[in-house]
Protein backbone atom coordinates (compact mmCIF):
# COMPACT_ATOMS: atom_id res chain seq x y z
CA MET A 1 147.35 154.79 44.62
CA ALA A 2 147.10 157.65 47.47
CA ALA A 3 145.49 156.32 50.47
CA ALA A 4 141.80 158.22 51.28
CA ALA A 5 142.76 160.77 53.41
CA GLU A 6 141.33 160.38 57.43
CA PRO A 7 137.84 162.40 57.64
CA LYS A 8 137.78 165.10 60.22
CA PRO A 9 136.08 164.00 63.16
CA ALA A 10 132.52 165.49 63.74
CA ARG A 11 132.14 168.67 66.10
CA PRO A 12 130.57 167.92 69.33
CA SER A 13 126.73 168.63 68.99
CA VAL A 14 125.77 171.54 71.07
CA TRP A 15 122.38 170.85 70.59
CA LYS A 16 122.52 166.97 71.89
CA ALA A 17 124.48 168.05 74.75
CA PHE A 18 121.78 170.32 75.82
CA ALA A 19 118.89 168.10 75.46
CA GLN A 20 119.84 165.38 77.14
CA PRO A 21 118.02 164.68 80.18
CA ALA A 22 120.20 164.86 82.78
CA ALA A 23 120.57 168.54 81.89
CA TRP A 24 117.35 169.62 82.83
CA THR A 25 117.77 167.69 86.19
CA MET A 26 120.62 169.79 86.81
CA PHE A 27 118.43 172.88 86.04
CA LEU A 28 116.49 172.00 89.09
CA PHE A 29 119.53 170.96 91.35
CA GLY A 30 120.93 174.36 90.72
CA PHE A 31 118.22 176.19 91.89
CA SER A 32 118.40 174.17 95.17
CA SER A 33 121.76 174.94 95.33
CA GLY A 34 121.37 178.78 94.58
CA LEU A 35 118.73 179.22 96.98
CA PRO A 36 120.00 179.02 100.42
CA PHE A 37 123.42 180.49 99.43
CA LEU A 38 122.48 184.52 99.31
CA LEU A 39 120.23 183.76 102.11
CA VAL A 40 123.28 183.05 104.57
CA GLY A 41 125.43 185.91 102.87
CA GLY A 42 124.59 188.70 100.76
CA THR A 43 120.57 188.92 101.17
CA LEU A 44 121.52 188.04 104.78
CA ALA A 45 123.60 191.59 105.25
CA TYR A 46 120.42 193.66 104.06
CA TRP A 47 118.46 192.30 107.21
CA LEU A 48 121.11 192.81 109.16
CA LYS A 49 122.33 196.19 108.25
CA GLU A 50 118.36 197.31 108.51
CA HIS A 51 118.42 195.75 111.99
CA GLY A 52 121.32 197.88 113.01
CA ILE A 53 124.31 195.86 112.84
CA VAL A 54 127.47 197.32 111.84
CA LEU A 55 129.20 196.66 108.77
CA SER A 56 132.31 195.10 110.13
CA GLU A 57 130.12 192.70 112.00
CA ILE A 58 127.87 191.85 108.93
CA THR A 59 130.37 191.09 106.85
CA VAL A 60 131.87 188.00 109.95
CA ILE A 61 128.24 187.08 110.43
CA ALA A 62 127.87 186.48 106.45
CA SER A 63 130.65 184.65 106.43
CA ALA A 64 128.37 181.34 107.67
CA GLY A 65 128.91 180.84 103.82
CA MET A 66 133.04 179.99 104.39
CA LEU A 67 131.48 176.34 105.29
CA TYR A 68 131.19 176.28 101.31
CA VAL A 69 134.67 176.58 101.60
CA PHE A 70 135.70 173.65 103.92
CA LYS A 71 133.05 171.28 102.31
CA PHE A 72 135.86 169.04 101.74
CA LEU A 73 136.15 168.17 105.60
CA TRP A 74 133.03 166.06 105.16
CA ALA A 75 133.09 165.01 101.88
CA PRO A 76 134.44 161.58 102.23
CA LEU A 77 131.04 160.85 104.06
CA LEU A 78 129.13 161.68 100.92
CA ASP A 79 131.67 158.95 99.08
CA HIS A 80 131.79 155.93 101.20
CA TRP A 81 128.81 156.19 103.61
CA GLN A 82 125.43 156.32 102.73
CA ALA A 83 122.97 158.84 104.25
CA PRO A 84 121.51 157.73 107.58
CA GLY A 85 117.67 157.11 106.80
CA PHE A 86 117.88 157.62 103.06
CA ALA A 87 119.91 155.13 101.93
CA ARG A 88 117.15 153.46 99.44
CA LEU A 89 117.63 156.66 97.28
CA GLY A 90 121.44 155.95 97.03
CA GLN A 91 124.50 157.14 97.54
CA ARG A 92 123.92 160.70 95.70
CA ARG A 93 120.34 161.13 95.91
CA GLY A 94 120.22 160.14 99.72
CA TRP A 95 122.84 162.58 100.74
CA LEU A 96 121.13 165.34 98.55
CA LEU A 97 117.59 164.78 100.08
CA LEU A 98 118.57 164.88 103.67
CA ALA A 99 120.99 168.04 102.57
CA GLN A 100 117.74 169.31 101.31
CA LEU A 101 115.61 169.15 103.99
CA GLY A 102 118.23 170.58 106.30
CA VAL A 103 118.43 173.50 104.34
CA ILE A 104 114.70 173.92 104.92
CA ALA A 105 114.99 173.47 108.59
CA GLY A 106 117.91 176.15 108.63
CA LEU A 107 115.93 178.73 106.67
CA VAL A 108 112.94 178.18 109.18
CA ALA A 109 114.90 178.48 112.21
CA MET A 110 116.13 181.55 111.30
CA ALA A 111 112.81 183.18 110.24
CA LEU A 112 111.69 182.10 113.40
CA LEU A 113 114.53 183.52 115.73
CA THR A 114 115.50 186.93 113.34
CA PRO A 115 118.46 188.67 114.38
CA ALA A 116 116.70 190.25 117.52
CA GLN A 117 118.08 186.67 119.21
CA LEU A 118 121.45 187.39 117.03
CA PRO A 119 123.44 184.30 119.08
CA PHE A 120 120.91 181.95 118.43
CA PHE A 121 120.35 183.32 114.95
CA ILE A 122 123.93 182.83 113.86
CA VAL A 123 123.59 179.32 115.27
CA ALA A 124 120.84 178.74 112.40
CA THR A 125 122.51 180.34 109.67
CA VAL A 126 125.42 178.27 110.26
CA ALA A 127 123.41 175.47 110.05
CA ALA A 128 121.80 176.65 107.18
CA ALA A 129 124.84 176.99 105.62
CA PHE A 130 126.29 173.58 106.17
CA PHE A 131 123.64 171.70 104.86
CA GLY A 132 123.71 174.15 101.89
CA ALA A 133 127.42 173.29 101.71
CA THR A 134 126.58 169.33 102.05
CA GLN A 135 124.12 169.46 99.23
CA ASP A 136 126.48 171.14 96.56
CA ILE A 137 128.66 167.99 97.31
CA ALA A 138 126.34 165.80 96.44
CA VAL A 139 124.67 167.73 93.60
CA ASP A 140 128.80 168.10 92.50
CA ALA A 141 129.19 164.43 92.39
CA TRP A 142 125.48 163.56 90.79
CA ARG A 143 126.80 165.83 87.95
CA ILE A 144 130.07 164.28 87.14
CA GLU A 145 129.01 160.48 87.55
CA ILE A 146 125.79 160.80 85.12
CA ALA A 147 127.54 162.54 82.32
CA PRO A 148 131.24 161.90 80.49
CA PRO A 149 133.58 165.22 80.79
CA ASN A 150 132.56 166.38 77.42
CA GLN A 151 129.02 166.51 78.02
CA GLN A 152 129.69 168.70 81.62
CA GLY A 153 129.94 172.32 79.82
CA ALA A 154 126.06 171.78 79.21
CA LEU A 155 125.10 170.49 82.49
CA VAL A 156 126.81 173.15 84.22
CA ALA A 157 125.30 175.58 82.19
CA THR A 158 121.51 174.14 82.57
CA TYR A 159 123.01 174.30 86.46
CA SER A 160 123.95 177.90 86.16
CA LEU A 161 120.23 178.88 84.70
CA GLY A 162 118.35 177.26 87.56
CA TYR A 163 120.90 178.75 90.26
CA ARG A 164 120.62 182.10 88.84
CA ILE A 165 116.77 181.87 88.91
CA ALA A 166 117.23 180.59 92.43
CA LEU A 167 119.39 183.84 93.20
CA MET A 168 116.82 185.88 91.37
CA ALA A 169 114.66 184.70 93.86
CA ALA A 170 117.09 184.81 96.85
CA GLY A 171 118.26 188.56 95.59
CA ALA A 172 116.00 190.66 93.96
CA PHE A 173 112.50 188.76 95.12
CA ALA A 174 113.78 189.18 98.55
CA LEU A 175 114.71 192.76 98.53
CA ILE A 176 111.70 193.93 96.65
CA LEU A 177 108.96 191.79 98.93
CA ALA A 178 111.20 192.89 101.87
CA ASP A 179 110.09 196.61 101.21
CA HIS A 180 106.56 194.87 102.01
CA VAL A 181 106.71 192.62 104.30
CA ARG A 182 108.88 191.56 107.51
CA TRP A 183 112.10 189.50 106.91
CA ASN A 184 111.03 186.53 108.59
CA LEU A 185 108.23 186.14 106.10
CA VAL A 186 110.65 186.38 103.24
CA TYR A 187 112.91 183.77 104.51
CA LEU A 188 109.54 181.39 105.32
CA ALA A 189 108.50 181.89 101.51
CA LEU A 190 111.95 181.22 100.48
CA ALA A 191 112.31 178.14 102.18
CA ALA A 192 109.08 176.81 101.28
CA LEU A 193 110.55 177.06 97.49
CA MET A 194 113.11 174.46 98.33
CA LEU A 195 110.15 171.50 97.75
CA ILE A 196 110.29 171.88 94.32
CA PRO A 197 113.95 170.70 94.43
CA ILE A 198 113.19 168.09 96.74
CA ALA A 199 110.26 166.65 94.04
CA ALA A 200 112.64 166.68 91.33
CA ASN A 201 115.14 164.94 93.74
CA LEU A 202 112.99 161.83 94.10
CA TYR A 203 112.35 161.64 90.74
CA ALA A 204 115.77 161.68 89.44
CA ARG A 205 118.22 158.88 88.36
CA GLU A 206 120.96 157.77 90.30
CA PRO A 207 124.22 157.31 88.98
CA VAL A 208 125.83 154.21 88.03
CA ALA A 209 128.99 154.36 90.10
CA SER A 210 130.77 151.76 92.76
CA HIS A 211 132.04 153.44 95.97
CA ARG A 212 133.94 151.22 97.89
CA LEU A 213 133.19 150.55 101.27
CA PRO A 214 135.59 150.58 104.12
CA ALA A 215 135.72 147.52 106.30
CA ASP A 216 136.55 149.11 109.36
CA TRP A 217 137.69 153.06 110.50
CA ARG A 218 141.62 152.66 109.72
CA GLU A 219 140.76 151.76 106.42
CA ALA A 220 138.11 154.67 106.22
CA MET A 221 140.74 156.88 107.17
CA ARG A 222 143.04 155.78 105.26
CA TYR A 223 140.94 155.55 101.84
CA ALA A 224 138.14 158.29 102.39
CA VAL A 225 140.29 160.61 103.67
CA ALA A 226 144.01 160.47 102.71
CA ASP A 227 143.76 158.91 99.62
CA PRO A 228 142.14 161.37 97.82
CA PHE A 229 144.54 163.86 98.52
CA ALA A 230 147.67 161.75 97.63
CA ASP A 231 145.86 160.31 94.37
CA PHE A 232 145.96 163.92 92.99
CA PHE A 233 149.51 164.14 93.39
CA ARG A 234 150.39 160.45 91.99
CA ARG A 235 148.44 161.39 88.87
CA TYR A 236 149.47 164.55 88.16
CA GLY A 237 152.97 164.88 89.57
CA VAL A 238 154.19 167.18 92.49
CA VAL A 239 155.01 170.15 89.96
CA LEU A 240 152.14 170.21 88.12
CA ALA A 241 149.80 169.27 90.81
CA LEU A 242 151.42 172.50 93.41
CA ALA A 243 151.26 175.11 90.35
CA THR A 244 147.76 173.78 89.41
CA LEU A 245 146.50 174.12 92.95
CA ALA A 246 148.05 177.58 93.27
CA PHE A 247 146.24 179.10 89.81
CA LEU A 248 143.26 177.66 91.51
CA LEU A 249 143.91 179.32 94.55
CA LEU A 250 144.61 182.81 92.76
CA PHE A 251 142.20 182.89 89.75
CA LYS A 252 138.76 183.48 91.67
CA ILE A 253 139.51 185.86 94.15
CA PRO A 254 138.22 189.29 92.50
CA GLU A 255 134.84 187.39 92.12
CA GLN A 256 134.61 185.72 95.13
CA ALA A 257 135.15 189.05 97.43
CA THR A 258 132.52 190.34 96.16
CA ILE A 259 130.01 187.64 96.58
CA GLY A 260 129.77 187.86 100.66
CA GLY A 261 128.51 190.69 102.86
CA ILE A 262 130.42 193.77 101.22
CA MET A 263 128.09 194.33 97.80
CA GLY A 264 124.97 195.43 100.08
CA PRO A 265 126.31 197.82 102.07
CA PHE A 266 127.95 199.20 99.33
CA TYR A 267 125.51 199.86 97.00
CA LEU A 268 123.30 201.17 99.70
CA ASP A 269 126.17 203.77 100.45
CA MET A 270 126.28 204.57 96.72
CA GLY A 271 122.49 205.78 97.11
CA PHE A 272 120.68 202.76 95.30
CA SER A 273 117.53 201.88 96.86
CA LYS A 274 116.62 197.88 97.37
CA THR A 275 114.19 197.94 94.53
CA GLN A 276 116.94 199.77 92.31
CA ILE A 277 119.07 196.99 93.53
CA GLY A 278 116.82 194.24 93.30
CA ALA A 279 115.74 195.08 89.93
CA ILE A 280 119.14 195.55 88.29
CA THR A 281 121.70 193.10 90.07
CA LYS A 282 118.76 190.46 90.98
CA VAL A 283 116.67 190.62 87.86
CA TYR A 284 118.47 192.18 85.00
CA GLY A 285 121.99 191.06 86.21
CA ILE A 286 121.02 187.56 86.66
CA TRP A 287 119.38 186.94 83.37
CA ILE A 288 122.70 188.69 81.56
CA GLY A 289 124.15 185.84 83.25
CA ILE A 290 122.10 183.18 82.72
CA VAL A 291 123.01 184.37 79.03
CA GLY A 292 126.66 184.14 79.73
CA ALA A 293 126.54 180.93 81.48
CA PHE A 294 125.10 179.16 78.31
CA VAL A 295 127.53 181.16 76.18
CA GLY A 296 130.01 179.61 78.31
CA GLY A 297 128.96 176.12 78.47
CA ALA A 298 128.26 176.08 74.69
CA MET A 299 132.21 176.76 74.30
CA VAL A 300 133.05 174.10 76.56
CA VAL A 301 131.00 171.74 74.05
CA ARG A 302 133.10 172.82 71.36
CA TRP A 303 136.85 173.83 72.45
CA GLY A 304 136.94 171.94 76.01
CA PRO A 305 136.97 173.99 79.63
CA TRP A 306 140.70 175.08 79.09
CA ARG A 307 140.64 177.70 76.44
CA PRO A 308 137.52 179.28 77.27
CA LEU A 309 138.55 179.40 80.94
CA CYS A 310 142.17 181.19 80.05
CA ALA A 311 140.33 183.67 78.05
CA MET A 312 137.30 184.54 81.09
CA VAL A 313 139.85 184.46 83.87
CA VAL A 314 141.64 187.91 82.90
CA LEU A 315 138.42 189.09 81.50
CA CYS A 316 135.97 188.43 84.29
CA GLY A 317 138.32 189.52 87.06
CA SER A 318 139.33 192.57 85.70
CA CYS A 319 135.38 193.63 85.90
CA ASN A 320 135.99 194.22 89.55
CA LEU A 321 137.64 197.46 88.21
CA LEU A 322 133.95 198.57 86.87
CA TYR A 323 132.65 199.30 90.45
CA LEU A 324 134.81 202.35 90.40
CA LEU A 325 132.68 203.50 88.05
CA LEU A 326 129.89 203.43 90.60
CA ILE A 327 131.95 205.92 93.34
CA ALA A 328 132.23 208.26 90.33
CA PHE A 329 128.39 208.09 89.44
CA PRO A 330 126.66 207.52 93.03
CA GLY A 331 122.96 206.61 92.55
CA ASN A 332 123.03 206.43 88.76
CA PRO A 333 120.92 203.59 87.67
CA TRP A 334 122.70 203.58 84.07
CA MET A 335 125.68 203.32 85.39
CA LEU A 336 124.77 200.38 87.71
CA THR A 337 123.30 198.55 84.85
CA VAL A 338 126.81 199.25 82.79
CA VAL A 339 128.60 197.98 85.34
CA ILE A 340 125.88 194.67 86.13
CA SER A 341 126.00 193.84 82.38
CA ALA A 342 129.98 193.36 82.04
CA GLU A 343 130.38 192.08 85.50
CA ASN A 344 127.29 189.25 85.00
CA PHE A 345 128.21 188.44 81.61
CA THR A 346 131.36 187.52 81.88
CA LEU A 347 131.17 185.75 85.43
CA GLY A 348 128.33 183.79 83.72
CA MET A 349 130.68 182.42 80.76
CA LEU A 350 133.17 181.81 83.50
CA GLY A 351 131.21 179.42 85.30
CA PRO A 352 131.07 176.42 83.12
CA PRO A 353 134.29 176.21 81.85
CA THR A 354 135.65 176.32 85.64
CA VAL A 355 133.42 173.86 86.82
CA ALA A 356 134.12 171.89 83.43
CA PHE A 357 138.04 171.79 84.25
CA LEU A 358 137.54 170.75 88.04
CA SER A 359 135.31 167.93 86.66
CA ALA A 360 138.28 166.73 84.63
CA LEU A 361 140.62 166.83 86.92
CA VAL A 362 138.59 164.27 89.20
CA ASN A 363 139.32 160.57 89.95
CA ARG A 364 135.67 159.66 89.48
CA GLU A 365 136.74 156.79 92.70
CA HIS A 366 136.46 159.35 95.11
CA THR A 367 134.41 161.89 93.03
CA ALA A 368 132.66 163.96 95.97
CA THR A 369 136.08 164.28 98.24
CA GLN A 370 138.51 165.52 95.38
CA TYR A 371 135.99 167.79 93.56
CA ALA A 372 134.89 169.15 96.96
CA LEU A 373 138.51 169.93 97.65
CA LEU A 374 139.32 171.34 94.22
CA SER A 375 136.74 174.21 94.23
CA SER A 376 136.76 174.58 97.94
CA LEU A 377 140.44 176.21 97.09
CA VAL A 378 139.16 178.03 94.64
CA ASN A 379 136.84 179.92 96.76
CA LEU A 380 139.19 179.85 100.07
CA PRO A 381 140.80 183.25 99.32
CA GLY A 382 138.25 185.08 98.23
CA LYS A 383 135.99 184.35 101.28
CA VAL A 384 138.83 184.67 103.21
CA LEU A 385 138.94 188.32 102.01
CA GLY A 386 135.43 188.63 102.20
CA ILE A 387 135.23 187.88 105.75
CA PHE A 388 137.13 191.23 106.55
CA ALA A 389 136.18 193.11 103.60
CA GLY A 390 133.95 195.36 105.85
CA GLY A 391 136.96 196.33 108.06
CA ILE A 392 139.02 196.59 104.92
CA ALA A 393 136.39 199.04 102.98
CA MET A 394 136.00 201.04 106.27
CA GLN A 395 140.26 201.78 106.93
CA VAL A 396 141.04 201.98 102.67
CA GLY A 397 137.54 202.84 101.11
CA TYR A 398 136.06 200.87 98.92
CA GLY A 399 137.53 201.65 95.55
CA ALA A 400 140.75 200.48 97.13
CA TYR A 401 139.30 197.25 98.43
CA PHE A 402 138.21 196.64 94.67
CA VAL A 403 141.48 197.27 93.59
CA ILE A 404 143.03 195.01 95.98
CA THR A 405 140.78 191.99 94.98
CA VAL A 406 142.09 192.33 90.97
CA LEU A 407 145.71 192.14 91.81
CA ALA A 408 145.63 188.52 92.28
CA LEU A 409 145.22 188.63 88.66
CA VAL A 410 148.86 188.77 88.24
CA PRO A 411 150.23 185.71 89.61
CA ALA A 412 147.24 183.76 88.16
CA THR A 413 148.21 184.95 84.95
CA VAL A 414 151.90 183.95 84.89
CA LEU A 415 150.58 180.49 86.24
CA LEU A 416 148.05 180.30 83.84
CA ILE A 417 151.08 180.85 80.77
CA TRP A 418 152.85 177.93 82.33
CA LEU A 419 149.74 175.58 82.72
CA TRP A 420 148.51 176.42 79.14
CA PRO A 421 150.65 173.40 77.24
CA ARG A 422 149.86 171.06 79.62
CA TYR A 423 146.05 171.51 80.10
CA ARG A 424 145.18 172.94 76.23
CA ASP A 425 143.33 169.67 75.70
CA VAL A 426 142.00 168.52 78.79
CA GLY A 427 138.21 167.66 78.68
CA LYS A 428 137.95 167.89 74.97
CA GLU A 429 135.62 165.04 72.96
CA GLY A 430 136.86 161.84 73.86
CA ALA A 431 138.91 162.62 76.88
CA GLY A 432 139.13 161.23 80.17
């Protein structure tokens, strides 16, 4: 008698993944992470330009966001030490609350000082960026430890929803409000919005995870600093680890190179008003990105992170070439709408598979440190390019700059082809 065929495993439920309580806690944590990001970068550039600061200096000052790239340097603190004064909330929530309060303090200081006191204003900006980056470390570690790998796509999608609504507040709302009140009042209003995610943190559940506490300073340096980096190479081997790191360094250069201080001056130089920029790029564009994030999150739940990631790397990165249309049709709001539609939808779809893939690579013994390192590598080259974006654009023009940002896709695609058979099943149902 023939043996009965084994039933096919059920497809992961997209609905259950999005309905879990952690997914909607991540919505509010995403809002908390997104709010300070533009206020020390893209939105800050508008304030500085209106204050009469030249483009090359604007992109350097707005590069305070580079602290987000180097957050892996202090991420071991969040893995192996308690937040001073907040230990009773737990390892993850204690550090998160400390960082949230630091963001508020930094934004309030920026509002009180203003660019008229530029050296002290820059210090306040760097402080807000530092606590914003620390907040991201805590949120990412909480997300990875609160749910299994196959549920990460849904958590990333709801995080992206909150994050993009925060970008709308720090972008469109800030720009439109700045047409009517002073910039320092705008920053004070946005600092007050941080009280909402603080309340969410106080009511959130702490993940059940054990983190080794070092016995002395020497053991702390070895276990908290050296071992997380060595562990990655032990688990994947030198060749695969190096190829993976090279891919991570390259594939998001097009996106990251347009996040800093370059885009605000570009839109203004193309003849768009702040209200047009806010309405199209920061309101309409944000909602298009949210739709893309939920599509990307559903793709991760069904197919794992790697396949959607491969498709979106090429599609999303190529969208930077669409900015050439704005140079050809300056001041045309319909053309801006077309460009923003394509750019934000693909960018939204790229987010969940990127975060889910990085999360699947992490050893949960070093959650915060390894994820901070991997996500920093993803953002580093593009942000470095963004620091010099103003100078490059002044020398070669905006169009040539956008073409330069897309060239990184060539080696990234070559690495992607080599990595495909090694990662195509990573992070799927039953993985990790």
